[in-house]
C-alpha atoms as a PDB file:
ATOM      1  CA  MET A   1      43.343  88.002   0.293  1.00  0.00           C
ATOM      2  CA  ARG A   2      44.187  87.182  -3.345  1.00  0.00           C
ATOM      3  CA  ILE A   3      47.643  88.440  -4.298  1.00  0.00           C
ATOM      4  CA  GLY A   4      49.150  88.409  -7.798  1.00  0.00           C
ATOM      5  CA  ILE A   5      52.894  88.392  -8.429  1.00  0.00           C
ATOM      6  CA  ASP A   6      54.385  88.814 -11.901  1.00  0.00           C
ATOM      7  CA  ILE A   7      57.256  86.323 -12.162  1.00  0.00           C
ATOM      8  CA  SER A   8      58.112  86.993 -15.824  1.00  0.00           C
ATOM      9  CA  GLN A   9      61.548  88.366 -14.956  1.00  0.00           C
ATOM     10  CA  ILE A  10      62.781  85.261 -13.113  1.00  0.00           C
ATOM     11  CA  VAL A  11      64.021  83.705 -16.366  1.00  0.00           C
ATOM     12  CA  TYR A  12      66.689  86.383 -16.789  1.00  0.00           C
ATOM     13  CA  THR A  13      69.707  87.323 -14.686  1.00  0.00           C
ATOM     14  CA  GLY A  14      70.306  90.155 -12.278  1.00  0.00           C
ATOM     15  CA  GLY A  15      68.997  91.726  -9.127  1.00  0.00           C
ATOM     16  CA  VAL A  16      65.313  91.621 -10.079  1.00  0.00           C
ATOM     17  CA  VAL A  17      65.567  87.840 -10.482  1.00  0.00           C
ATOM     18  CA  THR A  18      67.097  87.424  -7.045  1.00  0.00           C
ATOM     19  CA  TYR A  19      64.596  89.800  -5.467  1.00  0.00           C
ATOM     20  CA  THR A  20      61.535  88.177  -7.098  1.00  0.00           C
ATOM     21  CA  THR A  21      62.694  84.628  -6.359  1.00  0.00           C
ATOM     22  CA  ASN A  22      63.447  85.387  -2.712  1.00  0.00           C
ATOM     23  CA  LEU A  23      60.243  87.401  -2.274  1.00  0.00           C
ATOM     24  CA  VAL A  24      58.053  84.587  -3.593  1.00  0.00           C
ATOM     25  CA  LYS A  25      59.830  81.848  -1.664  1.00  0.00           C
ATOM     26  CA  SER A  26      59.848  83.848   1.586  1.00  0.00           C
ATOM     27  CA  LEU A  27      56.189  84.878   1.353  1.00  0.00           C
ATOM     28  CA  LEU A  28      55.094  81.333   0.667  1.00  0.00           C
ATOM     29  CA  SER A  29      57.175  79.940   3.510  1.00  0.00           C
ATOM     30  CA  ILE A  30      55.490  82.170   6.110  1.00  0.00           C
ATOM     31  CA  ASP A  31      51.976  82.693   4.714  1.00  0.00           C
ATOM     32  CA  GLU A  32      49.429  79.932   4.268  1.00  0.00           C
ATOM     33  CA  LYS A  33      46.425  82.202   4.784  1.00  0.00           C
ATOM     34  CA  ASN A  34      46.463  84.252   1.573  1.00  0.00           C
ATOM     35  CA  MET A  35      46.043  82.945  -1.982  1.00  0.00           C
ATOM     36  CA  TYR A  36      48.855  83.753  -4.412  1.00  0.00           C
ATOM     37  CA  THR A  37      48.629  83.773  -8.179  1.00  0.00           C
ATOM     38  CA  LEU A  38      52.006  83.613  -9.883  1.00  0.00           C
ATOM     39  CA  TYR A  39      51.651  84.880 -13.423  1.00  0.00           C
ATOM     40  CA  GLY A  40      54.014  85.644 -16.241  1.00  0.00           C
ATOM     41  CA  SER A  41      55.009  85.155 -19.815  1.00  0.00           C
ATOM     42  CA  SER A  42      58.115  84.292 -21.769  1.00  0.00           C
ATOM     43  CA  PHE A  43      58.448  83.114 -25.317  1.00  0.00           C
ATOM     44  CA  GLY A  44      62.072  82.020 -25.510  1.00  0.00           C
ATOM     45  CA  LYS A  45      62.416  80.887 -21.903  1.00  0.00           C
ATOM     46  CA  TYR A  46      58.946  79.529 -21.254  1.00  0.00           C
ATOM     47  CA  GLU A  47      60.224  76.185 -19.942  1.00  0.00           C
ATOM     48  CA  GLU A  48      62.345  77.969 -17.334  1.00  0.00           C
ATOM     49  CA  LEU A  49      59.281  79.937 -16.272  1.00  0.00           C
ATOM     50  CA  GLN A  50      57.298  76.704 -15.956  1.00  0.00           C
ATOM     51  CA  GLN A  51      60.085  75.082 -13.917  1.00  0.00           C
ATOM     52  CA  PHE A  52      59.985  77.914 -11.404  1.00  0.00           C
ATOM     53  CA  GLY A  53      56.200  77.609 -11.247  1.00  0.00           C
ATOM     54  CA  LYS A  54      56.447  73.861 -10.666  1.00  0.00           C
ATOM     55  CA  SER A  55      58.917  74.391  -7.823  1.00  0.00           C
ATOM     56  CA  MET A  56      56.234  76.389  -6.009  1.00  0.00           C
ATOM     57  CA  SER A  57      53.725  73.695  -5.065  1.00  0.00           C
ATOM     58  CA  GLN A  58      51.916  74.866  -1.947  1.00  0.00           C
ATOM     59  CA  LYS A  59      48.133  74.618  -1.881  1.00  0.00           C
ATOM     60  CA  ASN A  60      47.682  78.411  -1.728  1.00  0.00           C
ATOM     61  CA  ILE A  61      49.287  79.031  -5.136  1.00  0.00           C
ATOM     62  CA  GLY A  62      47.710  79.384  -8.531  1.00  0.00           C
ATOM     63  CA  LYS A  63      49.795  79.726 -11.682  1.00  0.00           C
ATOM     64  CA  LYS A  64      49.004  81.497 -14.943  1.00  0.00           C
ATOM     65  CA  LEU A  65      52.007  81.163 -17.256  1.00  0.00           C
ATOM     66  CA  PHE A  66      51.948  81.883 -20.980  1.00  0.00           C
ATOM     67  CA  PRO A  67      54.353  81.227 -23.881  1.00  0.00           C
ATOM     68  CA  LEU A  68      54.076  84.786 -25.216  1.00  0.00           C
ATOM     69  CA  PRO A  69      56.742  87.428 -25.709  1.00  0.00           C
ATOM     70  CA  LEU A  70      56.829  89.742 -22.709  1.00  0.00           C
ATOM     71  CA  SER A  71      56.700  92.700 -25.104  1.00  0.00           C
ATOM     72  CA  VAL A  72      53.150  91.719 -26.177  1.00  0.00           C
ATOM     73  CA  ILE A  73      51.890  91.627 -22.600  1.00  0.00           C
ATOM     74  CA  GLU A  74      53.793  94.818 -21.748  1.00  0.00           C
ATOM     75  CA  THR A  75      52.281  96.676 -24.692  1.00  0.00           C
ATOM     76  CA  LEU A  76      48.682  95.547 -24.176  1.00  0.00           C
ATOM     77  CA  GLY A  77      48.629  95.727 -20.405  1.00  0.00           C
ATOM     78  CA  ASN A  78      50.888  98.600 -19.449  1.00  0.00           C
ATOM     79  CA  ARG A  79      51.109 100.921 -22.427  1.00  0.00           C
ATOM     80  CA  VAL A  80      47.670 100.953 -24.006  1.00  0.00           C
ATOM     81  CA  HIS A  81      45.784  99.574 -20.985  1.00  0.00           C
ATOM     82  CA  GLN A  82      43.615  97.306 -23.125  1.00  0.00           C
ATOM     83  CA  ILE A  83      43.772  94.176 -20.995  1.00  0.00           C
ATOM     84  CA  PRO A  84      43.089  94.299 -17.258  1.00  0.00           C
ATOM     85  CA  ILE A  85      45.398  91.884 -15.473  1.00  0.00           C
ATOM     86  CA  GLU A  86      42.392  90.159 -13.899  1.00  0.00           C
ATOM     87  CA  ILE A  87      41.526  88.702 -17.314  1.00  0.00           C
ATOM     88  CA  VAL A  88      44.722  86.687 -17.047  1.00  0.00           C
ATOM     89  CA  THR A  89      44.939  86.072 -13.306  1.00  0.00           C
ATOM     90  CA  GLY A  90      41.352  85.958 -12.162  1.00  0.00           C
ATOM     91  CA  PRO A  91      40.150  88.270  -9.371  1.00  0.00           C
ATOM     92  CA  LEU A  92      42.874  89.858  -7.230  1.00  0.00           C
ATOM     93  CA  ASP A  93      42.761  92.113  -4.201  1.00  0.00           C
END
């Protein structure tokens, strides 16, 4: 199965950061069968996003990280539904 996880929020603080970080780390520690694509964007904190991506180095992980403001992705993908997420991530189940 090909699973996509949006990790854009991990560069901020709060409960969503903790949840997303622990979810990704836990899934990857117990699952070598499925393929994971970690995707996200951040303009001001892009290096932090890349660092998190680099810390996840298992063979069943793909990464699609972009130095764009999250508001651009949010608007195009979620509000006006102009860009299917698969354009960014590749095919997902």
